[in-house]
Amino acid sequence: MIAKVSQFFARRSAAISRPRTTCCCRGGALSDELDFNAEEFLKLPLKERVKLCRALGERANTLAAKASPKYRVYYAEIAKQWLILADEMEQSAHKPGKD
C-alpha cells in the first residue's frame, strides 16, 4: 500500500512543473502540492519521519471524512497505512540498530 502511495506522489510530481515550496517537515519531504520525495524523507531523522507519517495519516483521514462514499474507504485505508507505518517506525526506534 505504501508503495502505491509513493508511486502516486511520484507520478503527480512529474506532471507538475511549477516550483514548489515546503510547507512543513524540514528537508522538503512534503511540499504544498503534497509531493512526496522518498529520498528527502529517508534523510529525515526517525522522529521527523514518524511525525510526517502521522500528519499524512491525519490528512488522509480528513479527506476520508469529506470524500464521497465511493472514495471514502480508499482514503481511510491510506490513512490507516500511514499511521501503521508511523507506529512501526516508532517501535523500531526502541530496538538497537533499527531505523
PDB file of N, CA and C in Angstrom:
ATOM      1  N   MET A   1       0.815  -1.186   0.000  1.00  0.00           N
ATOM      2  CA  MET A   1       0.000   0.000   0.000  1.00  0.00           C
ATOM      3  C   MET A   1       0.863   1.257   0.000  1.00  0.00           C
ATOM      4  N   ILE A   2       1.875   1.291   0.851  1.00  0.00           N
ATOM      5  CA  ILE A   2       2.752   2.466   0.909  1.00  0.00           C
ATOM      6  C   ILE A   2       3.434   2.678  -0.433  1.00  0.00           C
ATOM      7  N   ALA A   3       3.842   1.590  -1.084  1.00  0.00           N
ATOM      8  CA  ALA A   3       4.476   1.720  -2.396  1.00  0.00           C
ATOM      9  C   ALA A   3       3.520   2.367  -3.388  1.00  0.00           C
ATOM     10  N   LYS A   4       2.243   2.009  -3.324  1.00  0.00           N
ATOM     11  CA  LYS A   4       1.258   2.602  -4.223  1.00  0.00           C
ATOM     12  C   LYS A   4       1.106   4.093  -3.962  1.00  0.00           C
ATOM     13  N   VAL A   5       1.108   4.482  -2.694  1.00  0.00           N
ATOM     14  CA  VAL A   5       1.002   5.901  -2.341  1.00  0.00           C
ATOM     15  C   VAL A   5       2.222   6.650  -2.861  1.00  0.00           C
ATOM     16  N   SER A   6       3.403   6.080  -2.660  1.00  0.00           N
ATOM     17  CA  SER A   6       4.636   6.718  -3.137  1.00  0.00           C
ATOM     18  C   SER A   6       4.628   6.855  -4.650  1.00  0.00           C
ATOM     19  N   GLN A   7       4.126   5.827  -5.345  1.00  0.00           N
ATOM     20  CA  GLN A   7       4.053   5.896  -6.807  1.00  0.00           C
ATOM     21  C   GLN A   7       3.109   7.008  -7.235  1.00  0.00           C
ATOM     22  N   PHE A   8       1.990   7.163  -6.506  1.00  0.00           N
ATOM     23  CA  PHE A   8       1.055   8.226  -6.816  1.00  0.00           C
ATOM     24  C   PHE A   8       1.725   9.585  -6.716  1.00  0.00           C
ATOM     25  N   PHE A   9       2.429   9.831  -5.615  1.00  0.00           N
ATOM     26  CA  PHE A   9       3.091  11.113  -5.434  1.00  0.00           C
ATOM     27  C   PHE A   9       4.170  11.324  -6.490  1.00  0.00           C
ATOM     28  N   ALA A  10       4.886  10.280  -6.838  1.00  0.00           N
ATOM     29  CA  ALA A  10       5.941  10.401  -7.846  1.00  0.00           C
ATOM     30  C   ALA A  10       5.341  10.771  -9.202  1.00  0.00           C
ATOM     31  N   ARG A  11       4.254  10.111  -9.580  1.00  0.00           N
ATOM     32  CA  ARG A  11       3.600  10.426 -10.862  1.00  0.00           C
ATOM     33  C   ARG A  11       3.066  11.846 -10.850  1.00  0.00           C
ATOM     34  N   ARG A  12       2.472  12.249  -9.738  1.00  0.00           N
ATOM     35  CA  ARG A  12       1.897  13.574  -9.647  1.00  0.00           C
ATOM     36  C   ARG A  12       2.980  14.646  -9.735  1.00  0.00           C
ATOM     37  N   SER A  13       4.102  14.422  -9.064  1.00  0.00           N
ATOM     38  CA  SER A  13       5.154  15.438  -9.074  1.00  0.00           C
ATOM     39  C   SER A  13       5.778  15.572 -10.454  1.00  0.00           C
ATOM     40  N   ALA A  14       5.841  14.483 -11.212  1.00  0.00           N
ATOM     41  CA  ALA A  14       6.397  14.552 -12.562  1.00  0.00           C
ATOM     42  C   ALA A  14       5.491  15.369 -13.471  1.00  0.00           C
ATOM     43  N   ALA A  15       4.204  15.412 -13.158  1.00  0.00           N
ATOM     44  CA  ALA A  15       3.256  16.120 -14.002  1.00  0.00           C
ATOM     45  C   ALA A  15       3.184  17.612 -13.701  1.00  0.00           C
ATOM     46  N   ILE A  16       3.703  18.043 -12.585  1.00  0.00           N
ATOM     47  CA  ILE A  16       3.629  19.449 -12.193  1.00  0.00           C
ATOM     48  C   ILE A  16       4.996  20.080 -12.372  1.00  0.00           C
ATOM     49  N   SER A  17       5.062  21.120 -13.182  1.00  0.00           N
ATOM     50  CA  SER A  17       6.371  21.706 -13.472  1.00  0.00           C
ATOM     51  C   SER A  17       6.642  22.994 -12.713  1.00  0.00           C
ATOM     52  N   ARG A  18       5.651  23.558 -12.039  1.00  0.00           N
ATOM     53  CA  ARG A  18       5.902  24.817 -11.344  1.00  0.00           C
ATOM     54  C   ARG A  18       6.732  24.592 -10.082  1.00  0.00           C
ATOM     55  N   PRO A  19       7.453  25.603  -9.627  1.00  0.00           N
ATOM     56  CA  PRO A  19       8.300  25.459  -8.434  1.00  0.00           C
ATOM     57  C   PRO A  19       7.464  25.154  -7.194  1.00  0.00           C
ATOM     58  N   ARG A  20       8.054  24.442  -6.267  1.00  0.00           N
ATOM     59  CA  ARG A  20       7.373  24.043  -5.050  1.00  0.00           C
ATOM     60  C   ARG A  20       7.983  24.755  -3.845  1.00  0.00           C
ATOM     61  N   THR A  21       7.150  24.945  -2.848  1.00  0.00           N
ATOM     62  CA  THR A  21       7.631  25.475  -1.587  1.00  0.00           C
ATOM     63  C   THR A  21       7.298  24.468  -0.498  1.00  0.00           C
ATOM     64  N   THR A  22       8.180  24.343   0.453  1.00  0.00           N
ATOM     65  CA  THR A  22       7.970  23.385   1.527  1.00  0.00           C
ATOM     66  C   THR A  22       7.007  23.966   2.542  1.00  0.00           C
ATOM     67  N   CYS A  23       5.997  23.171   2.908  1.00  0.00           N
ATOM     68  CA  CYS A  23       5.006  23.680   3.861  1.00  0.00           C
ATOM     69  C   CYS A  23       5.279  23.184   5.270  1.00  0.00           C
ATOM     70  N   CYS A  24       5.869  22.028   5.410  1.00  0.00           N
ATOM     71  CA  CYS A  24       6.158  21.500   6.735  1.00  0.00           C
ATOM     72  C   CYS A  24       7.254  20.461   6.616  1.00  0.00           C
ATOM     73  N   CYS A  25       7.764  20.055   7.720  1.00  0.00           N
ATOM     74  CA  CYS A  25       8.767  18.995   7.774  1.00  0.00           C
ATOM     75  C   CYS A  25      10.049  19.411   7.077  1.00  0.00           C
ATOM     76  N   ARG A  26      11.030  19.689   7.851  1.00  0.00           N
ATOM     77  CA  ARG A  26      12.281  20.156   7.283  1.00  0.00           C
ATOM     78  C   ARG A  26      12.857  19.126   6.322  1.00  0.00           C
ATOM     79  N   GLY A  27      13.617  19.590   5.386  1.00  0.00           N
ATOM     80  CA  GLY A  27      14.209  18.704   4.404  1.00  0.00           C
ATOM     81  C   GLY A  27      13.397  18.605   3.130  1.00  0.00           C
ATOM     82  N   GLY A  28      12.231  19.193   3.110  1.00  0.00           N
ATOM     83  CA  GLY A  28      11.449  19.221   1.889  1.00  0.00           C
ATOM     84  C   GLY A  28      10.794  17.903   1.526  1.00  0.00           C
ATOM     85  N   ALA A  29      10.475  17.066   2.487  1.00  0.00           N
ATOM     86  CA  ALA A  29       9.840  15.786   2.168  1.00  0.00           C
ATOM     87  C   ALA A  29       8.410  15.966   1.693  1.00  0.00           C
ATOM     88  N   LEU A  30       7.775  17.058   2.063  1.00  0.00           N
ATOM     89  CA  LEU A  30       6.392  17.292   1.673  1.00  0.00           C
ATOM     90  C   LEU A  30       6.243  18.739   1.244  1.00  0.00           C
ATOM     91  N   SER A  31       5.762  18.959   0.046  1.00  0.00           N
ATOM     92  CA  SER A  31       5.577  20.323  -0.443  1.00  0.00           C
ATOM     93  C   SER A  31       4.106  20.699  -0.379  1.00  0.00           C
ATOM     94  N   ASP A  32       3.800  21.926  -0.746  1.00  0.00           N
ATOM     95  CA  ASP A  32       2.418  22.410  -0.734  1.00  0.00           C
ATOM     96  C   ASP A  32       1.508  21.552  -1.607  1.00  0.00           C
ATOM     97  N   GLU A  33       2.045  20.984  -2.653  1.00  0.00           N
ATOM     98  CA  GLU A  33       1.244  20.176  -3.568  1.00  0.00           C
ATOM     99  C   GLU A  33       1.202  18.707  -3.153  1.00  0.00           C
ATOM    100  N   LEU A  34       1.650  18.382  -1.964  1.00  0.00           N
ATOM    101  CA  LEU A  34       1.653  17.025  -1.428  1.00  0.00           C
ATOM    102  C   LEU A  34       2.595  16.085  -2.165  1.00  0.00           C
ATOM    103  N   ASP A  35       3.592  16.619  -2.804  1.00  0.00           N
ATOM    104  CA  ASP A  35       4.587  15.759  -3.444  1.00  0.00           C
ATOM    105  C   ASP A  35       5.377  15.048  -2.356  1.00  0.00           C
ATOM    106  N   PHE A  36       5.582  13.787  -2.542  1.00  0.00           N
ATOM    107  CA  PHE A  36       6.341  13.013  -1.575  1.00  0.00           C
ATOM    108  C   PHE A  36       7.678  12.658  -2.198  1.00  0.00           C
ATOM    109  N   ASN A  37       8.757  13.099  -1.587  1.00  0.00           N
ATOM    110  CA  ASN A  37      10.096  12.831  -2.076  1.00  0.00           C
ATOM    111  C   ASN A  37      10.726  11.795  -1.152  1.00  0.00           C
ATOM    112  N   ALA A  38      10.793  10.555  -1.614  1.00  0.00           N
ATOM    113  CA  ALA A  38      11.290   9.462  -0.773  1.00  0.00           C
ATOM    114  C   ALA A  38      12.732   9.677  -0.341  1.00  0.00           C
ATOM    115  N   GLU A  39      13.560  10.213  -1.220  1.00  0.00           N
ATOM    116  CA  GLU A  39      14.962  10.445  -0.861  1.00  0.00           C
ATOM    117  C   GLU A  39      15.068  11.436   0.298  1.00  0.00           C
ATOM    118  N   GLU A  40      14.307  12.520   0.224  1.00  0.00           N
ATOM    119  CA  GLU A  40      14.326  13.511   1.295  1.00  0.00           C
ATOM    120  C   GLU A  40      13.712  12.938   2.576  1.00  0.00           C
ATOM    121  N   PHE A  41      12.663  12.160   2.424  1.00  0.00           N
ATOM    122  CA  PHE A  41      12.007  11.540   3.569  1.00  0.00           C
ATOM    123  C   PHE A  41      12.997  10.662   4.330  1.00  0.00           C
ATOM    124  N   LEU A  42      13.758   9.852   3.629  1.00  0.00           N
ATOM    125  CA  LEU A  42      14.699   8.936   4.270  1.00  0.00           C
ATOM    126  C   LEU A  42      15.878   9.662   4.916  1.00  0.00           C
ATOM    127  N   LYS A  43      16.144  10.889   4.502  1.00  0.00           N
ATOM    128  CA  LYS A  43      17.216  11.676   5.113  1.00  0.00           C
ATOM    129  C   LYS A  43      16.791  12.279   6.454  1.00  0.00           C
ATOM    130  N   LEU A  44      15.491  12.364   6.677  1.00  0.00           N
ATOM    131  CA  LEU A  44      14.992  12.946   7.923  1.00  0.00           C
ATOM    132  C   LEU A  44      15.307  12.037   9.099  1.00  0.00           C
ATOM    133  N   PRO A  45      15.489  12.622  10.276  1.00  0.00           N
ATOM    134  CA  PRO A  45      15.638  11.795  11.478  1.00  0.00           C
ATOM    135  C   PRO A  45      14.355  10.986  11.693  1.00  0.00           C
ATOM    136  N   LEU A  46      14.485   9.851  12.334  1.00  0.00           N
ATOM    137  CA  LEU A  46      13.357   8.955  12.551  1.00  0.00           C
ATOM    138  C   LEU A  46      12.172   9.676  13.179  1.00  0.00           C
ATOM    139  N   LYS A  47      12.440  10.506  14.164  1.00  0.00           N
ATOM    140  CA  LYS A  47      11.363  11.229  14.851  1.00  0.00           C
ATOM    141  C   LYS A  47      10.576  12.102  13.870  1.00  0.00           C
ATOM    142  N   GLU A  48      11.262  12.741  12.941  1.00  0.00           N
ATOM    143  CA  GLU A  48      10.610  13.582  11.940  1.00  0.00           C
ATOM    144  C   GLU A  48       9.814  12.741  10.943  1.00  0.00           C
ATOM    145  N   ARG A  49      10.345  11.566  10.579  1.00  0.00           N
ATOM    146  CA  ARG A  49       9.604  10.685   9.668  1.00  0.00           C
ATOM    147  C   ARG A  49       8.307  10.209  10.314  1.00  0.00           C
ATOM    148  N   VAL A  50       8.379   9.870  11.593  1.00  0.00           N
ATOM    149  CA  VAL A  50       7.175   9.447  12.322  1.00  0.00           C
ATOM    150  C   VAL A  50       6.158  10.588  12.330  1.00  0.00           C
ATOM    151  N   LYS A  51       6.628  11.784  12.615  1.00  0.00           N
ATOM    152  CA  LYS A  51       5.757  12.960  12.653  1.00  0.00           C
ATOM    153  C   LYS A  51       5.094  13.188  11.288  1.00  0.00           C
ATOM    154  N   LEU A  52       5.855  13.067  10.226  1.00  0.00           N
ATOM    155  CA  LEU A  52       5.331  13.259   8.887  1.00  0.00           C
ATOM    156  C   LEU A  52       4.310  12.174   8.537  1.00  0.00           C
ATOM    157  N   CYS A  53       4.596  10.929   8.873  1.00  0.00           N
ATOM    158  CA  CYS A  53       3.648   9.838   8.600  1.00  0.00           C
ATOM    159  C   CYS A  53       2.332  10.078   9.331  1.00  0.00           C
ATOM    160  N   ARG A  54       2.423  10.528  10.568  1.00  0.00           N
ATOM    161  CA  ARG A  54       1.200  10.818  11.326  1.00  0.00           C
ATOM    162  C   ARG A  54       0.422  11.979  10.680  1.00  0.00           C
ATOM    163  N   ALA A  55       1.133  12.993  10.230  1.00  0.00           N
ATOM    164  CA  ALA A  55       0.476  14.125   9.576  1.00  0.00           C
ATOM    165  C   ALA A  55      -0.215  13.683   8.285  1.00  0.00           C
ATOM    166  N   LEU A  56       0.452  12.835   7.521  1.00  0.00           N
ATOM    167  CA  LEU A  56      -0.148  12.328   6.287  1.00  0.00           C
ATOM    168  C   LEU A  56      -1.354  11.446   6.588  1.00  0.00           C
ATOM    169  N   GLY A  57      -1.267  10.670   7.655  1.00  0.00           N
ATOM    170  CA  GLY A  57      -2.402   9.845   8.066  1.00  0.00           C
ATOM    171  C   GLY A  57      -3.592  10.701   8.464  1.00  0.00           C
ATOM    172  N   GLU A  58      -3.323  11.754   9.216  1.00  0.00           N
ATOM    173  CA  GLU A  58      -4.406  12.648   9.624  1.00  0.00           C
ATOM    174  C   GLU A  58      -5.007  13.366   8.421  1.00  0.00           C
ATOM    175  N   ARG A  59      -4.155  13.765   7.501  1.00  0.00           N
ATOM    176  CA  ARG A  59      -4.646  14.434   6.293  1.00  0.00           C
ATOM    177  C   ARG A  59      -5.525  13.485   5.484  1.00  0.00           C
ATOM    178  N   ALA A  60      -5.116  12.239   5.365  1.00  0.00           N
ATOM    179  CA  ALA A  60      -5.927  11.257   4.640  1.00  0.00           C
ATOM    180  C   ALA A  60      -7.244  10.987   5.368  1.00  0.00           C
ATOM    181  N   ASN A  61      -7.232  10.985   6.703  1.00  0.00           N
ATOM    182  CA  ASN A  61      -8.478  10.826   7.465  1.00  0.00           C
ATOM    183  C   ASN A  61      -9.415  11.998   7.212  1.00  0.00           C
ATOM    184  N   THR A  62      -8.861  13.193   7.124  1.00  0.00           N
ATOM    185  CA  THR A  62      -9.671  14.378   6.826  1.00  0.00           C
ATOM    186  C   THR A  62     -10.304  14.254   5.446  1.00  0.00           C
ATOM    187  N   LEU A  63      -9.504  13.800   4.491  1.00  0.00           N
ATOM    188  CA  LEU A  63     -10.030  13.588   3.143  1.00  0.00           C
ATOM    189  C   LEU A  63     -11.126  12.526   3.150  1.00  0.00           C
ATOM    190  N   ALA A  64     -10.925  11.466   3.920  1.00  0.00           N
ATOM    191  CA  ALA A  64     -11.924  10.394   4.004  1.00  0.00           C
ATOM    192  C   ALA A  64     -13.254  10.947   4.522  1.00  0.00           C
ATOM    193  N   ALA A  65     -13.174  11.805   5.522  1.00  0.00           N
ATOM    194  CA  ALA A  65     -14.393  12.367   6.105  1.00  0.00           C
ATOM    195  C   ALA A  65     -15.149  13.254   5.118  1.00  0.00           C
ATOM    196  N   LYS A  66     -14.418  13.867   4.198  1.00  0.00           N
ATOM    197  CA  LYS A  66     -15.030  14.791   3.242  1.00  0.00           C
ATOM    198  C   LYS A  66     -15.333  14.150   1.891  1.00  0.00           C
ATOM    199  N   ALA A  67     -14.810  12.966   1.660  1.00  0.00           N
ATOM    200  CA  ALA A  67     -14.930  12.325   0.349  1.00  0.00           C
ATOM    201  C   ALA A  67     -16.321  11.720   0.130  1.00  0.00           C
ATOM    202  N   SER A  68     -16.624  11.521  -1.123  1.00  0.00           N
ATOM    203  CA  SER A  68     -17.862  10.821  -1.460  1.00  0.00           C
ATOM    204  C   SER A  68     -17.721   9.365  -1.002  1.00  0.00           C
ATOM    205  N   PRO A  69     -18.835   8.702  -0.770  1.00  0.00           N
ATOM    206  CA  PRO A  69     -18.769   7.306  -0.321  1.00  0.00           C
ATOM    207  C   PRO A  69     -17.921   6.422  -1.235  1.00  0.00           C
ATOM    208  N   LYS A  70     -17.902   6.736  -2.503  1.00  0.00           N
ATOM    209  CA  LYS A  70     -17.130   5.944  -3.469  1.00  0.00           C
ATOM    210  C   LYS A  70     -15.642   5.920  -3.125  1.00  0.00           C
ATOM    211  N   TYR A  71     -15.113   7.033  -2.626  1.00  0.00           N
ATOM    212  CA  TYR A  71     -13.683   7.149  -2.361  1.00  0.00           C
ATOM    213  C   TYR A  71     -13.320   7.102  -0.884  1.00  0.00           C
ATOM    214  N   ARG A  72     -14.281   7.248  -0.014  1.00  0.00           N
ATOM    215  CA  ARG A  72     -14.025   7.325   1.427  1.00  0.00           C
ATOM    216  C   ARG A  72     -13.187   6.161   1.937  1.00  0.00           C
ATOM    217  N   VAL A  73     -13.538   4.949   1.546  1.00  0.00           N
ATOM    218  CA  VAL A  73     -12.831   3.761   2.037  1.00  0.00           C
ATOM    219  C   VAL A  73     -11.358   3.772   1.619  1.00  0.00           C
ATOM    220  N   TYR A  74     -11.058   4.305   0.450  1.00  0.00           N
ATOM    221  CA  TYR A  74      -9.671   4.344  -0.032  1.00  0.00           C
ATOM    222  C   TYR A  74      -8.839   5.351   0.767  1.00  0.00           C
ATOM    223  N   TYR A  75      -9.405   6.524   1.014  1.00  0.00           N
ATOM    224  CA  TYR A  75      -8.693   7.497   1.845  1.00  0.00           C
ATOM    225  C   TYR A  75      -8.479   6.960   3.255  1.00  0.00           C
ATOM    226  N   ALA A  76      -9.490   6.288   3.776  1.00  0.00           N
ATOM    227  CA  ALA A  76      -9.366   5.712   5.122  1.00  0.00           C
ATOM    228  C   ALA A  76      -8.275   4.650   5.161  1.00  0.00           C
ATOM    229  N   GLU A  77      -8.159   3.858   4.116  1.00  0.00           N
ATOM    230  CA  GLU A  77      -7.106   2.830   4.064  1.00  0.00           C
ATOM    231  C   GLU A  77      -5.728   3.469   3.954  1.00  0.00           C
ATOM    232  N   ILE A  78      -5.605   4.509   3.156  1.00  0.00           N
ATOM    233  CA  ILE A  78      -4.327   5.224   3.062  1.00  0.00           C
ATOM    234  C   ILE A  78      -3.950   5.786   4.431  1.00  0.00           C
ATOM    235  N   ALA A  79      -4.909   6.389   5.111  1.00  0.00           N
ATOM    236  CA  ALA A  79      -4.654   6.932   6.447  1.00  0.00           C
ATOM    237  C   ALA A  79      -4.183   5.833   7.385  1.00  0.00           C
ATOM    238  N   LYS A  80      -4.870   4.719   7.366  1.00  0.00           N
ATOM    239  CA  LYS A  80      -4.516   3.582   8.225  1.00  0.00           C
ATOM    240  C   LYS A  80      -3.076   3.137   7.975  1.00  0.00           C
ATOM    241  N   GLN A  81      -2.682   3.048   6.719  1.00  0.00           N
ATOM    242  CA  GLN A  81      -1.334   2.593   6.380  1.00  0.00           C
ATOM    243  C   GLN A  81      -0.270   3.587   6.830  1.00  0.00           C
ATOM    244  N   TRP A  82      -0.514   4.896   6.673  1.00  0.00           N
ATOM    245  CA  TRP A  82       0.447   5.900   7.156  1.00  0.00           C
ATOM    246  C   TRP A  82       0.608   5.793   8.667  1.00  0.00           C
ATOM    247  N   LEU A  83      -0.501   5.594   9.373  1.00  0.00           N
ATOM    248  CA  LEU A  83      -0.438   5.506  10.837  1.00  0.00           C
ATOM    249  C   LEU A  83       0.231   4.217  11.295  1.00  0.00           C
ATOM    250  N   ILE A  84       0.008   3.124  10.578  1.00  0.00           N
ATOM    251  CA  ILE A  84       0.700   1.869  10.883  1.00  0.00           C
ATOM    252  C   ILE A  84       2.202   2.046  10.676  1.00  0.00           C
ATOM    253  N   LEU A  85       2.582   2.691   9.584  1.00  0.00           N
ATOM    254  CA  LEU A  85       3.998   2.930   9.316  1.00  0.00           C
ATOM    255  C   LEU A  85       4.621   3.765  10.430  1.00  0.00           C
ATOM    256  N   ALA A  86       3.929   4.803  10.871  1.00  0.00           N
ATOM    257  CA  ALA A  86       4.439   5.639  11.964  1.00  0.00           C
ATOM    258  C   ALA A  86       4.634   4.804  13.222  1.00  0.00           C
ATOM    259  N   ASP A  87       3.661   3.959  13.551  1.00  0.00           N
ATOM    260  CA  ASP A  87       3.775   3.099  14.735  1.00  0.00           C
ATOM    261  C   ASP A  87       4.956   2.138  14.618  1.00  0.00           C
ATOM    262  N   GLU A  88       5.118   1.532  13.455  1.00  0.00           N
ATOM    263  CA  GLU A  88       6.220   0.589  13.232  1.00  0.00           C
ATOM    264  C   GLU A  88       7.572   1.279  13.369  1.00  0.00           C
ATOM    265  N   MET A  89       7.691   2.470  12.804  1.00  0.00           N
ATOM    266  CA  MET A  89       8.953   3.200  12.905  1.00  0.00           C
ATOM    267  C   MET A  89       9.240   3.584  14.350  1.00  0.00           C
ATOM    268  N   GLU A  90       8.196   3.998  15.054  1.00  0.00           N
ATOM    269  CA  GLU A  90       8.364   4.369  16.455  1.00  0.00           C
ATOM    270  C   GLU A  90       8.812   3.164  17.284  1.00  0.00           C
ATOM    271  N   GLN A  91       8.226   2.010  17.038  1.00  0.00           N
ATOM    272  CA  GLN A  91       8.607   0.799  17.757  1.00  0.00           C
ATOM    273  C   GLN A  91      10.028   0.395  17.415  1.00  0.00           C
ATOM    274  N   SER A  92      10.424   0.578  16.174  1.00  0.00           N
ATOM    275  CA  SER A  92      11.792   0.201  15.778  1.00  0.00           C
ATOM    276  C   SER A  92      12.834   1.101  16.443  1.00  0.00           C
ATOM    277  N   ALA A  93      12.424   2.310  16.810  1.00  0.00           N
ATOM    278  CA  ALA A  93      13.350   3.236  17.472  1.00  0.00           C
ATOM    279  C   ALA A  93      13.808   2.696  18.811  1.00  0.00           C
ATOM    280  N   HIS A  94      13.019   1.822  19.405  1.00  0.00           N
ATOM    281  CA  HIS A  94      13.349   1.256  20.713  1.00  0.00           C
ATOM    282  C   HIS A  94      14.179  -0.019  20.615  1.00  0.00           C
ATOM    283  N   LYS A  95      14.439  -0.449  19.373  1.00  0.00           N
ATOM    284  CA  LYS A  95      15.261  -1.647  19.164  1.00  0.00           C
ATOM    285  C   LYS A  95      16.642  -1.208  18.694  1.00  0.00           C
ATOM    286  N   PRO A  96      17.699  -1.700  19.308  1.00  0.00           N
ATOM    287  CA  PRO A  96      19.055  -1.297  18.909  1.00  0.00           C
ATOM    288  C   PRO A  96      19.348  -1.639  17.445  1.00  0.00           C
ATOM    289  N   GLY A  97      19.964  -0.689  16.757  1.00  0.00           N
ATOM    290  CA  GLY A  97      20.411  -0.923  15.386  1.00  0.00           C
ATOM    291  C   GLY A  97      19.306  -0.878  14.351  1.00  0.00           C
ATOM    292  N   LYS A  98      18.117  -0.471  14.723  1.00  0.00           N
ATOM    293  CA  LYS A  98      16.993  -0.414  13.779  1.00  0.00           C
ATOM    294  C   LYS A  98      16.697   1.027  13.436  1.00  0.00           C
ATOM    295  N   ASP A  99      16.323   1.258  12.151  1.00  0.00           N
ATOM    296  CA  ASP A  99      15.898   2.594  11.703  1.00  0.00           C
ATOM    297  C   ASP A  99      15.068   2.467  10.466  1.00  0.00           C
TER     298      ASP A  99
END
